[in-house]
Amino acid sequence: RARHWTPLLLTAAAVLGTAPACRSASRGATDQSAEVERATREAIRNERAIDPATFPPSTLGVTPLRVSASDTLIEPLGYGLADLLLADLARSAQLQVVDRLRVDVLLRETALGQSGAVDPATAPRVGRLLGARRLVVGGLTQVPSGGLRLDARVVDVQTSAVDASIGATAPLDRILDAEKALAFQLFDRLGVTLTPAERAAVEQRPTRDIGALLAYGRAVRFEALGDYAAAADAYEGAAARDPGFGAAQARATALRARFPRGPAAARTTRLRAASLRAASEVNRSLAGQSGFGPNAADPAFRRAQASTVVIIIHTVP
């Protein structure tokens, strides 16, 4: 099936094939995702007309954390901890936090979803396209002592000003202590005063099982890449390790409702995931060959007339 796509921005809508057996179960979620994808592509097309000064100062986005560690098992924490940090920041009524679905779609659409791609240099563009006045970017680093350093910066999307880095360090089995400490530092940096109830909610640990937390991080990463079947499996794995991990159980239940088990559903979700991976590879390989890459001076301005069309054909019985 051939679909039109903007040069370099190979979209999810261009590569996803859906088997009839899955349509009714996933229609609501598909409609929501499709609407977000349409809005994101529209924002990209009209990027030059977006004025961040019109964004409410309370709007805030959080992107996946860059991970710098010799232990590759830690890498999923860049997604999992960013997701939990977003949830903690959203507990304040003074902030309007951008939904993670919008962040995931934007990073896929702009080929910025690779680890380390969102940094203070690219953050203003990401924030403009998300409609967020400020963007939190950060990283997770393995320190010589064997612990992990969690750090973040707040980028003003309108001015491109970057606040000084803040952060916290903790051993792997207590990494959520560092996440909570960072969350409270961010509230201070953002000028937010929490109510006692909000503070108590932020202080709650969703899990104390590091294996469950790592599985949760893998699930968030799978979901960000559009591999929903793998994400549901990983969420269920996290919930199995820690039955009290409410967020993992809720996500698993929601994804299973959208993508129930079964041969047809499993085949379709595998095709969806393969298509998204192919799109990501195409976007990444072309990023340095046109004026649309994250380092372009003006991503909305076409510097070359040539374009590349990729057609992915799925055959579903």
C-alpha atoms as a PDB file:
ATOM      1  CA  ARG A   1       0.000   0.000   0.000  1.00  0.00           C
ATOM      2  CA  ALA A   2       1.558   3.256  -1.111  1.00  0.00           C
ATOM      3  CA  ARG A   3       1.047   6.335   1.010  1.00  0.00           C
ATOM      4  CA  HIS A   4       2.409   9.883   0.721  1.00  0.00           C
ATOM      5  CA  TRP A   5       4.968  10.997   3.225  1.00  0.00           C
ATOM      6  CA  THR A   6       6.923  14.201   3.719  1.00  0.00           C
ATOM      7  CA  PRO A   7      10.641  13.798   2.876  1.00  0.00           C
ATOM      8  CA  LEU A   8      12.524  12.330   5.844  1.00  0.00           C
ATOM      9  CA  LEU A   9       9.393  12.168   7.982  1.00  0.00           C
ATOM     10  CA  LEU A  10       8.229   8.608   7.325  1.00  0.00           C
ATOM     11  CA  THR A  11       5.116   8.502   9.451  1.00  0.00           C
ATOM     12  CA  ALA A  12       3.489   5.697  11.360  1.00  0.00           C
ATOM     13  CA  ALA A  13       0.328   6.092   9.283  1.00  0.00           C
ATOM     14  CA  ALA A  14       2.343   5.284   6.160  1.00  0.00           C
ATOM     15  CA  VAL A  15       3.520   1.899   7.350  1.00  0.00           C
ATOM     16  CA  LEU A  16       0.931   0.372   9.652  1.00  0.00           C
ATOM     17  CA  GLY A  17      -1.191  -2.444   8.305  1.00  0.00           C
ATOM     18  CA  THR A  18      -4.142  -3.511  10.476  1.00  0.00           C
ATOM     19  CA  ALA A  19      -5.800  -6.912  10.223  1.00  0.00           C
ATOM     20  CA  PRO A  20      -9.611  -6.906  10.346  1.00  0.00           C
ATOM     21  CA  ALA A  21      -9.640  -9.103  13.460  1.00  0.00           C
ATOM     22  CA  CYS A  22      -7.920  -6.343  15.447  1.00  0.00           C
ATOM     23  CA  ARG A  23      -9.863  -3.333  14.247  1.00  0.00           C
ATOM     24  CA  SER A  24     -12.751  -3.395  16.677  1.00  0.00           C
ATOM     25  CA  ALA A  25     -10.559  -4.027  19.723  1.00  0.00           C
ATOM     26  CA  SER A  26      -8.138  -1.223  18.962  1.00  0.00           C
ATOM     27  CA  ARG A  27     -10.375   1.319  17.217  1.00  0.00           C
ATOM     28  CA  GLY A  28     -10.580   3.777  20.121  1.00  0.00           C
ATOM     29  CA  ALA A  29      -6.846   3.761  20.734  1.00  0.00           C
ATOM     30  CA  THR A  30      -6.134   3.829  16.998  1.00  0.00           C
ATOM     31  CA  ASP A  31      -8.389   6.838  16.554  1.00  0.00           C
ATOM     32  CA  GLN A  32      -6.598   8.629  19.388  1.00  0.00           C
ATOM     33  CA  SER A  33      -3.165   7.791  18.006  1.00  0.00           C
ATOM     34  CA  ALA A  34      -4.216   8.785  14.493  1.00  0.00           C
ATOM     35  CA  GLU A  35      -5.484  12.128  15.749  1.00  0.00           C
ATOM     36  CA  VAL A  36      -2.209  12.796  17.563  1.00  0.00           C
ATOM     37  CA  GLU A  37      -0.268  11.810  14.439  1.00  0.00           C
ATOM     38  CA  ARG A  38      -2.356  14.156  12.284  1.00  0.00           C
ATOM     39  CA  ALA A  39      -1.876  17.018  14.720  1.00  0.00           C
ATOM     40  CA  THR A  40       1.858  16.353  14.893  1.00  0.00           C
ATOM     41  CA  ARG A  41       2.286  16.306  11.127  1.00  0.00           C
ATOM     42  CA  GLU A  42       0.275  19.520  10.907  1.00  0.00           C
ATOM     43  CA  ALA A  43       2.543  21.145  13.486  1.00  0.00           C
ATOM     44  CA  ILE A  44       5.621  20.051  11.514  1.00  0.00           C
ATOM     45  CA  ARG A  45       4.205  21.475   8.281  1.00  0.00           C
ATOM     46  CA  ASN A  46       3.396  24.798   9.963  1.00  0.00           C
ATOM     47  CA  GLU A  47       6.433  24.919  12.222  1.00  0.00           C
ATOM     48  CA  ARG A  48       7.595  28.327  11.044  1.00  0.00           C
ATOM     49  CA  ALA A  49       4.283  29.876  12.093  1.00  0.00           C
ATOM     50  CA  ILE A  50       4.398  28.519  15.663  1.00  0.00           C
ATOM     51  CA  ASP A  51       5.028  31.199  18.281  1.00  0.00           C
ATOM     52  CA  PRO A  52       6.107  29.758  21.652  1.00  0.00           C
ATOM     53  CA  ALA A  53       5.235  33.073  23.297  1.00  0.00           C
ATOM     54  CA  THR A  54       1.587  32.056  22.957  1.00  0.00           C
ATOM     55  CA  PHE A  55       2.094  28.890  25.014  1.00  0.00           C
ATOM     56  CA  PRO A  56       0.919  29.110  28.638  1.00  0.00           C
ATOM     57  CA  PRO A  57       3.965  29.328  30.954  1.00  0.00           C
ATOM     58  CA  SER A  58       2.644  26.319  32.860  1.00  0.00           C
ATOM     59  CA  THR A  59       2.950  23.947  29.870  1.00  0.00           C
ATOM     60  CA  LEU A  60       5.759  21.439  30.260  1.00  0.00           C
ATOM     61  CA  GLY A  61       7.136  18.477  28.329  1.00  0.00           C
ATOM     62  CA  VAL A  62       9.443  15.658  29.445  1.00  0.00           C
ATOM     63  CA  THR A  63      11.549  13.655  26.988  1.00  0.00           C
ATOM     64  CA  PRO A  64      13.309  10.303  27.453  1.00  0.00           C
ATOM     65  CA  LEU A  65      16.592  10.519  29.324  1.00  0.00           C
ATOM     66  CA  ARG A  66      19.912   9.970  27.579  1.00  0.00           C
ATOM     67  CA  VAL A  67      21.707   6.986  29.086  1.00  0.00           C
ATOM     68  CA  SER A  68      25.480   6.756  29.431  1.00  0.00           C
ATOM     69  CA  ALA A  69      26.384   3.444  31.038  1.00  0.00           C
ATOM     70  CA  SER A  70      28.559   0.446  30.295  1.00  0.00           C
ATOM     71  CA  ASP A  71      25.766  -1.865  31.465  1.00  0.00           C
ATOM     72  CA  THR A  72      23.240  -2.061  28.619  1.00  0.00           C
ATOM     73  CA  LEU A  73      20.612  -3.487  30.967  1.00  0.00           C
ATOM     74  CA  ILE A  74      20.296   0.010  32.435  1.00  0.00           C
ATOM     75  CA  GLU A  75      19.331   1.620  29.123  1.00  0.00           C
ATOM     76  CA  PRO A  76      15.537   1.109  29.477  1.00  0.00           C
ATOM     77  CA  LEU A  77      15.632   3.232  32.643  1.00  0.00           C
ATOM     78  CA  GLY A  78      16.037   6.268  30.399  1.00  0.00           C
ATOM     79  CA  TYR A  79      12.442   5.722  29.303  1.00  0.00           C
ATOM     80  CA  GLY A  80      11.029   4.355  32.550  1.00  0.00           C
ATOM     81  CA  LEU A  81      12.418   7.071  34.834  1.00  0.00           C
ATOM     82  CA  ALA A  82      11.358   9.837  32.419  1.00  0.00           C
ATOM     83  CA  ASP A  83       7.845   8.369  32.431  1.00  0.00           C
ATOM     84  CA  LEU A  84       7.721   8.292  36.240  1.00  0.00           C
ATOM     85  CA  LEU A  85       9.177  11.802  36.423  1.00  0.00           C
ATOM     86  CA  LEU A  86       6.449  13.027  34.058  1.00  0.00           C
ATOM     87  CA  ALA A  87       3.812  11.380  36.268  1.00  0.00           C
ATOM     88  CA  ASP A  88       5.243  13.066  39.378  1.00  0.00           C
ATOM     89  CA  LEU A  89       5.360  16.498  37.747  1.00  0.00           C
ATOM     90  CA  ALA A  90       1.765  16.034  36.577  1.00  0.00           C
ATOM     91  CA  ARG A  91       0.635  15.724  40.195  1.00  0.00           C
ATOM     92  CA  SER A  92       0.894  19.491  40.580  1.00  0.00           C
ATOM     93  CA  ALA A  93      -2.217  21.418  39.589  1.00  0.00           C
ATOM     94  CA  GLN A  94       0.081  24.309  38.639  1.00  0.00           C
ATOM     95  CA  LEU A  95       1.597  22.466  35.686  1.00  0.00           C
ATOM     96  CA  GLN A  96       0.097  21.308  32.387  1.00  0.00           C
ATOM     97  CA  VAL A  97       2.254  18.333  31.431  1.00  0.00           C
ATOM     98  CA  VAL A  98       2.223  17.155  27.824  1.00  0.00           C
ATOM     99  CA  ASP A  99       0.878  13.595  27.500  1.00  0.00           C
ATOM    100  CA  ARG A 100       3.523  10.967  26.758  1.00  0.00           C
ATOM    101  CA  LEU A 101       1.655   9.780  23.647  1.00  0.00           C
ATOM    102  CA  ARG A 102       2.241  13.177  22.027  1.00  0.00           C
ATOM    103  CA  VAL A 103       5.934  13.060  22.939  1.00  0.00           C
ATOM    104  CA  ASP A 104       6.286   9.518  21.551  1.00  0.00           C
ATOM    105  CA  VAL A 105       4.587  10.383  18.270  1.00  0.00           C
ATOM    106  CA  LEU A 106       6.629  13.551  17.791  1.00  0.00           C
ATOM    107  CA  LEU A 107       9.925  11.788  18.396  1.00  0.00           C
ATOM    108  CA  ARG A 108       8.974   9.090  15.896  1.00  0.00           C
ATOM    109  CA  GLU A 109       7.802  11.616  13.307  1.00  0.00           C
ATOM    110  CA  THR A 110      10.969  13.717  13.508  1.00  0.00           C
ATOM    111  CA  ALA A 111      13.502  10.876  13.868  1.00  0.00           C
ATOM    112  CA  LEU A 112      14.560  12.344  17.219  1.00  0.00           C
ATOM    113  CA  GLY A 113      13.563   9.288  19.211  1.00  0.00           C
ATOM    114  CA  GLN A 114      17.010   7.725  19.243  1.00  0.00           C
ATOM    115  CA  SER A 115      18.852   7.718  22.562  1.00  0.00           C
ATOM    116  CA  GLY A 116      20.498  11.050  23.250  1.00  0.00           C
ATOM    117  CA  ALA A 117      18.826  12.836  20.319  1.00  0.00           C
ATOM    118  CA  VAL A 118      16.869  15.294  22.481  1.00  0.00           C
ATOM    119  CA  ASP A 119      19.266  17.646  24.211  1.00  0.00           C
ATOM    120  CA  PRO A 120      19.384  21.387  25.022  1.00  0.00           C
ATOM    121  CA  ALA A 121      20.209  22.109  21.363  1.00  0.00           C
ATOM    122  CA  THR A 122      17.207  20.291  19.894  1.00  0.00           C
ATOM    123  CA  ALA A 123      14.845  20.888  22.827  1.00  0.00           C
ATOM    124  CA  PRO A 124      13.463  24.257  21.603  1.00  0.00           C
ATOM    125  CA  ARG A 125      12.245  22.675  18.379  1.00  0.00           C
ATOM    126  CA  VAL A 126      10.708  19.710  20.203  1.00  0.00           C
ATOM    127  CA  GLY A 127       8.994  22.068  22.647  1.00  0.00           C
ATOM    128  CA  ARG A 128       7.586  24.213  19.831  1.00  0.00           C
ATOM    129  CA  LEU A 129       6.104  21.197  18.092  1.00  0.00           C
ATOM    130  CA  LEU A 130       4.679  19.860  21.370  1.00  0.00           C
ATOM    131  CA  GLY A 131       3.156  23.204  22.328  1.00  0.00           C
ATOM    132  CA  ALA A 132       5.138  23.281  25.579  1.00  0.00           C
ATOM    133  CA  ARG A 133       6.668  26.512  26.925  1.00  0.00           C
ATOM    134  CA  ARG A 134       9.320  24.573  28.822  1.00  0.00           C
ATOM    135  CA  LEU A 135      10.953  21.220  28.215  1.00  0.00           C
ATOM    136  CA  VAL A 136      12.775  18.961  30.666  1.00  0.00           C
ATOM    137  CA  VAL A 137      15.757  17.136  29.167  1.00  0.00           C
ATOM    138  CA  GLY A 138      18.238  15.050  31.073  1.00  0.00           C
ATOM    139  CA  GLY A 139      20.357  11.980  31.372  1.00  0.00           C
ATOM    140  CA  LEU A 140      21.244   8.938  33.404  1.00  0.00           C
ATOM    141  CA  THR A 141      24.962   8.326  33.895  1.00  0.00           C
ATOM    142  CA  GLN A 142      26.873   5.506  35.519  1.00  0.00           C
ATOM    143  CA  VAL A 143      29.376   7.060  37.965  1.00  0.00           C
ATOM    144  CA  PRO A 144      32.751   5.567  38.971  1.00  0.00           C
ATOM    145  CA  SER A 145      31.468   4.625  42.414  1.00  0.00           C
ATOM    146  CA  GLY A 146      29.018   2.248  40.748  1.00  0.00           C
ATOM    147  CA  GLY A 147      25.963   4.377  41.395  1.00  0.00           C
ATOM    148  CA  LEU A 148      23.798   6.236  38.896  1.00  0.00           C
ATOM    149  CA  ARG A 149      23.580   9.978  38.403  1.00  0.00           C
ATOM    150  CA  LEU A 150      20.220  11.351  37.315  1.00  0.00           C
ATOM    151  CA  ASP A 151      20.314  14.921  36.016  1.00  0.00           C
ATOM    152  CA  ALA A 152      18.014  17.331  34.220  1.00  0.00           C
ATOM    153  CA  ARG A 153      17.840  20.790  32.738  1.00  0.00           C
ATOM    154  CA  VAL A 154      14.851  22.989  32.004  1.00  0.00           C
ATOM    155  CA  VAL A 155      14.871  24.614  28.566  1.00  0.00           C
ATOM    156  CA  ASP A 156      12.798  27.720  27.878  1.00  0.00           C
ATOM    157  CA  VAL A 157      11.343  26.980  24.458  1.00  0.00           C
ATOM    158  CA  GLN A 158      10.703  30.648  23.643  1.00  0.00           C
ATOM    159  CA  THR A 159      14.175  31.980  24.439  1.00  0.00           C
ATOM    160  CA  SER A 160      16.213  28.736  24.165  1.00  0.00           C
ATOM    161  CA  ALA A 161      17.666  29.578  27.585  1.00  0.00           C
ATOM    162  CA  VAL A 162      18.886  26.514  29.487  1.00  0.00           C
ATOM    163  CA  ASP A 163      18.875  26.393  33.283  1.00  0.00           C
ATOM    164  CA  ALA A 164      21.833  25.018  35.195  1.00  0.00           C
ATOM    165  CA  SER A 165      21.831  21.259  35.593  1.00  0.00           C
ATOM    166  CA  ILE A 166      20.288  19.721  38.689  1.00  0.00           C
ATOM    167  CA  GLY A 167      20.432  16.113  39.753  1.00  0.00           C
ATOM    168  CA  ALA A 168      20.804  13.363  42.315  1.00  0.00           C
ATOM    169  CA  THR A 169      22.859  10.178  42.699  1.00  0.00           C
ATOM    170  CA  ALA A 170      21.835   6.786  44.082  1.00  0.00           C
ATOM    171  CA  PRO A 171      22.745   3.108  43.726  1.00  0.00           C
ATOM    172  CA  LEU A 172      20.743   1.143  41.160  1.00  0.00           C
ATOM    173  CA  ASP A 173      18.511  -0.514  43.749  1.00  0.00           C
ATOM    174  CA  ARG A 174      17.556   2.922  45.091  1.00  0.00           C
ATOM    175  CA  ILE A 175      17.382   4.840  41.832  1.00  0.00           C
ATOM    176  CA  LEU A 176      13.823   5.955  42.610  1.00  0.00           C
ATOM    177  CA  ASP A 177      15.260   7.936  45.543  1.00  0.00           C
ATOM    178  CA  ALA A 178      17.205   9.946  42.966  1.00  0.00           C
ATOM    179  CA  GLU A 179      14.104  10.311  40.764  1.00  0.00           C
ATOM    180  CA  LYS A 180      12.086  11.692  43.685  1.00  0.00           C
ATOM    181  CA  ALA A 181      14.886  14.061  44.679  1.00  0.00           C
ATOM    182  CA  LEU A 182      15.098  15.301  41.089  1.00  0.00           C
ATOM    183  CA  ALA A 183      11.336  15.797  40.913  1.00  0.00           C
ATOM    184  CA  PHE A 184      11.351  18.020  44.002  1.00  0.00           C
ATOM    185  CA  GLN A 185      14.302  20.000  42.631  1.00  0.00           C
ATOM    186  CA  LEU A 186      12.389  20.527  39.390  1.00  0.00           C
ATOM    187  CA  PHE A 187       9.346  21.786  41.275  1.00  0.00           C
ATOM    188  CA  ASP A 188      11.593  24.336  42.995  1.00  0.00           C
ATOM    189  CA  ARG A 189      13.226  25.298  39.693  1.00  0.00           C
ATOM    190  CA  LEU A 190       9.802  25.729  38.083  1.00  0.00           C
ATOM    191  CA  GLY A 191       8.536  27.863  40.965  1.00  0.00           C
ATOM    192  CA  VAL A 192       5.890  25.340  41.996  1.00  0.00           C
ATOM    193  CA  THR A 193       4.735  25.075  45.605  1.00  0.00           C
ATOM    194  CA  LEU A 194       3.163  21.698  46.295  1.00  0.00           C
ATOM    195  CA  THR A 195       0.198  21.171  48.563  1.00  0.00           C
ATOM    196  CA  PRO A 196       0.711  18.606  51.349  1.00  0.00           C
ATOM    197  CA  ALA A 197      -1.434  16.114  49.421  1.00  0.00           C
ATOM    198  CA  GLU A 198       0.549  16.648  46.210  1.00  0.00           C
ATOM    199  CA  ARG A 199       3.849  16.254  48.052  1.00  0.00           C
ATOM    200  CA  ALA A 200       2.680  13.036  49.683  1.00  0.00           C
ATOM    201  CA  ALA A 201       1.607  11.674  46.291  1.00  0.00           C
ATOM    202  CA  VAL A 202       5.000  12.473  44.736  1.00  0.00           C
ATOM    203  CA  GLU A 203       6.801  10.770  47.608  1.00  0.00           C
ATOM    204  CA  GLN A 204       5.071   7.446  46.945  1.00  0.00           C
ATOM    205  CA  ARG A 205       7.331   4.788  45.346  1.00  0.00           C
ATOM    206  CA  PRO A 206       5.477   2.885  42.611  1.00  0.00           C
ATOM    207  CA  THR A 207       7.726  -0.145  43.210  1.00  0.00           C
ATOM    208  CA  ARG A 208      10.746  -1.163  45.255  1.00  0.00           C
ATOM    209  CA  ASP A 209      11.676  -4.072  42.984  1.00  0.00           C
ATOM    210  CA  ILE A 210      14.458  -3.077  40.603  1.00  0.00           C
ATOM    211  CA  GLY A 211      13.605  -5.959  38.274  1.00  0.00           C
ATOM    212  CA  ALA A 212      10.049  -4.679  37.989  1.00  0.00           C
ATOM    213  CA  LEU A 213      11.344  -1.158  37.340  1.00  0.00           C
ATOM    214  CA  LEU A 214      13.657  -2.378  34.572  1.00  0.00           C
ATOM    215  CA  ALA A 215      10.798  -4.325  32.980  1.00  0.00           C
ATOM    216  CA  TYR A 216       8.648  -1.188  33.187  1.00  0.00           C
ATOM    217  CA  GLY A 217      11.360   0.801  31.431  1.00  0.00           C
ATOM    218  CA  ARG A 218      11.505  -1.779  28.637  1.00  0.00           C
ATOM    219  CA  ALA A 219       7.727  -1.571  28.317  1.00  0.00           C
ATOM    220  CA  VAL A 220       7.752   2.214  28.045  1.00  0.00           C
ATOM    221  CA  ARG A 221      10.459   2.005  25.369  1.00  0.00           C
ATOM    222  CA  PHE A 222       8.515  -0.622  23.397  1.00  0.00           C
ATOM    223  CA  GLU A 223       5.400   1.528  23.609  1.00  0.00           C
ATOM    224  CA  ALA A 224       7.315   4.611  22.474  1.00  0.00           C
ATOM    225  CA  LEU A 225       8.505   2.671  19.413  1.00  0.00           C
ATOM    226  CA  GLY A 226       4.984   1.429  18.655  1.00  0.00           C
ATOM    227  CA  ASP A 227       5.607  -2.223  19.551  1.00  0.00           C
ATOM    228  CA  TYR A 228       2.477  -2.552  21.684  1.00  0.00           C
ATOM    229  CA  ALA A 229       2.461  -6.338  21.970  1.00  0.00           C
ATOM    230  CA  ALA A 230       5.983  -6.343  23.400  1.00  0.00           C
ATOM    231  CA  ALA A 231       5.051  -3.409  25.631  1.00  0.00           C
ATOM    232  CA  ALA A 232       2.071  -5.306  27.058  1.00  0.00           C
ATOM    233  CA  ASP A 233       4.275  -8.342  27.722  1.00  0.00           C
ATOM    234  CA  ALA A 234       6.842  -6.196  29.525  1.00  0.00           C
ATOM    235  CA  TYR A 235       4.224  -4.360  31.589  1.00  0.00           C
ATOM    236  CA  GLU A 236       2.771  -7.722  32.601  1.00  0.00           C
ATOM    237  CA  GLY A 237       6.263  -8.894  33.512  1.00  0.00           C
ATOM    238  CA  ALA A 238       6.726  -5.852  35.742  1.00  0.00           C
ATOM    239  CA  ALA A 239       3.363  -6.421  37.409  1.00  0.00           C
ATOM    240  CA  ALA A 240       4.146 -10.101  37.910  1.00  0.00           C
ATOM    241  CA  ARG A 241       7.373  -9.257  39.731  1.00  0.00           C
ATOM    242  CA  ASP A 242       5.596  -6.681  41.880  1.00  0.00           C
ATOM    243  CA  PRO A 243       1.799  -7.114  42.074  1.00  0.00           C
ATOM    244  CA  GLY A 244       1.621  -3.771  43.868  1.00  0.00           C
ATOM    245  CA  PHE A 245       3.070  -1.917  40.870  1.00  0.00           C
ATOM    246  CA  GLY A 246      -0.219  -0.264  39.940  1.00  0.00           C
ATOM    247  CA  ALA A 247       1.055   1.747  36.980  1.00  0.00           C
ATOM    248  CA  ALA A 248       2.461  -1.369  35.301  1.00  0.00           C
ATOM    249  CA  GLN A 249      -0.752  -3.320  35.832  1.00  0.00           C
ATOM    250  CA  ALA A 250      -2.914  -0.476  34.538  1.00  0.00           C
ATOM    251  CA  ARG A 251      -0.795  -0.084  31.390  1.00  0.00           C
ATOM    252  CA  ALA A 252      -0.812  -3.836  30.744  1.00  0.00           C
ATOM    253  CA  THR A 253      -4.603  -3.990  31.105  1.00  0.00           C
ATOM    254  CA  ALA A 254      -5.096  -1.016  28.787  1.00  0.00           C
ATOM    255  CA  LEU A 255      -2.838  -2.441  26.090  1.00  0.00           C
ATOM    256  CA  ARG A 256      -4.379  -5.910  26.269  1.00  0.00           C
ATOM    257  CA  ALA A 257      -7.807  -4.342  25.770  1.00  0.00           C
ATOM    258  CA  ARG A 258      -6.490  -2.632  22.649  1.00  0.00           C
ATOM    259  CA  PHE A 259      -4.426  -5.528  21.341  1.00  0.00           C
ATOM    260  CA  PRO A 260      -5.805  -8.847  22.649  1.00  0.00           C
ATOM    261  CA  ARG A 261      -3.762 -12.008  22.432  1.00  0.00           C
ATOM    262  CA  GLY A 262      -4.289 -14.292  19.452  1.00  0.00           C
ATOM    263  CA  PRO A 263      -2.465 -15.301  16.253  1.00  0.00           C
ATOM    264  CA  ALA A 264      -4.007 -12.589  14.074  1.00  0.00           C
ATOM    265  CA  ALA A 265      -3.475  -9.858  16.642  1.00  0.00           C
ATOM    266  CA  ALA A 266       0.087 -10.987  17.352  1.00  0.00           C
ATOM    267  CA  ARG A 267       0.911 -11.067  13.641  1.00  0.00           C
ATOM    268  CA  THR A 268      -0.480  -7.579  13.115  1.00  0.00           C
ATOM    269  CA  THR A 269       1.357  -6.051  16.042  1.00  0.00           C
ATOM    270  CA  ARG A 270       4.600  -7.672  14.834  1.00  0.00           C
ATOM    271  CA  LEU A 271       4.054  -6.112  11.402  1.00  0.00           C
ATOM    272  CA  ARG A 272       3.323  -2.741  12.999  1.00  0.00           C
ATOM    273  CA  ALA A 273       6.515  -2.926  15.048  1.00  0.00           C
ATOM    274  CA  ALA A 274       8.589  -4.003  12.036  1.00  0.00           C
ATOM    275  CA  SER A 275       7.210  -1.107  10.000  1.00  0.00           C
ATOM    276  CA  LEU A 276       8.029   1.428  12.686  1.00  0.00           C
ATOM    277  CA  ARG A 277      11.542   0.058  13.042  1.00  0.00           C
ATOM    278  CA  ALA A 278      11.993   0.290   9.269  1.00  0.00           C
ATOM    279  CA  ALA A 279      10.699   3.872   9.284  1.00  0.00           C
ATOM    280  CA  SER A 280      13.093   4.751  12.087  1.00  0.00           C
ATOM    281  CA  GLU A 281      16.042   3.291  10.164  1.00  0.00           C
ATOM    282  CA  VAL A 282      15.084   5.212   7.008  1.00  0.00           C
ATOM    283  CA  ASN A 283      14.687   8.468   8.916  1.00  0.00           C
ATOM    284  CA  ARG A 284      17.993   8.013  10.719  1.00  0.00           C
ATOM    285  CA  SER A 285      19.889   7.158   7.525  1.00  0.00           C
ATOM    286  CA  LEU A 286      18.455  10.157   5.675  1.00  0.00           C
ATOM    287  CA  ALA A 287      18.868  12.623   8.532  1.00  0.00           C
ATOM    288  CA  GLY A 288      22.315  13.653   7.371  1.00  0.00           C
ATOM    289  CA  GLN A 289      21.412  13.775   3.674  1.00  0.00           C
ATOM    290  CA  SER A 290      18.853  16.598   3.593  1.00  0.00           C
ATOM    291  CA  GLY A 291      17.893  19.843   5.224  1.00  0.00           C
ATOM    292  CA  PHE A 292      15.372  18.142   7.500  1.00  0.00           C
ATOM    293  CA  GLY A 293      17.693  16.688  10.135  1.00  0.00           C
ATOM    294  CA  PRO A 294      17.725  17.875  13.752  1.00  0.00           C
ATOM    295  CA  ASN A 295      20.823  19.992  13.029  1.00  0.00           C
ATOM    296  CA  ALA A 296      19.220  21.905  10.171  1.00  0.00           C
ATOM    297  CA  ALA A 297      19.196  25.653  10.706  1.00  0.00           C
ATOM    298  CA  ASP A 298      15.537  25.794   9.721  1.00  0.00           C
ATOM    299  CA  PRO A 299      13.928  22.327   9.534  1.00  0.00           C
ATOM    300  CA  ALA A 300      10.854  23.752   7.784  1.00  0.00           C
ATOM    301  CA  PHE A 301      12.903  25.057   4.840  1.00  0.00           C
ATOM    302  CA  ARG A 302      13.579  22.676   1.982  1.00  0.00           C
ATOM    303  CA  ARG A 303      17.201  22.798   0.937  1.00  0.00           C
ATOM    304  CA  ALA A 304      16.915  20.058  -1.666  1.00  0.00           C
ATOM    305  CA  GLN A 305      14.253  19.228  -4.225  1.00  0.00           C
ATOM    306  CA  ALA A 306      15.023  15.513  -4.217  1.00  0.00           C
ATOM    307  CA  SER A 307      12.923  13.248  -2.037  1.00  0.00           C
ATOM    308  CA  THR A 308      12.939   9.568  -1.212  1.00  0.00           C
ATOM    309  CA  VAL A 309       9.866   7.355  -1.215  1.00  0.00           C
ATOM    310  CA  VAL A 310       9.826   4.097   0.702  1.00  0.00           C
ATOM    311  CA  ILE A 311       6.967   1.644   0.099  1.00  0.00           C
ATOM    312  CA  ILE A 312       6.411  -1.126   2.617  1.00  0.00           C
ATOM    313  CA  ILE A 313       3.954  -3.847   1.569  1.00  0.00           C
ATOM    314  CA  HIS A 314       2.341  -6.116   4.135  1.00  0.00           C
ATOM    315  CA  THR A 315       0.528  -9.254   3.068  1.00  0.00           C
ATOM    316  CA  VAL A 316      -1.993 -10.268   5.734  1.00  0.00           C
ATOM    317  CA  PRO A 317      -4.122 -13.390   5.105  1.00  0.00           C
END
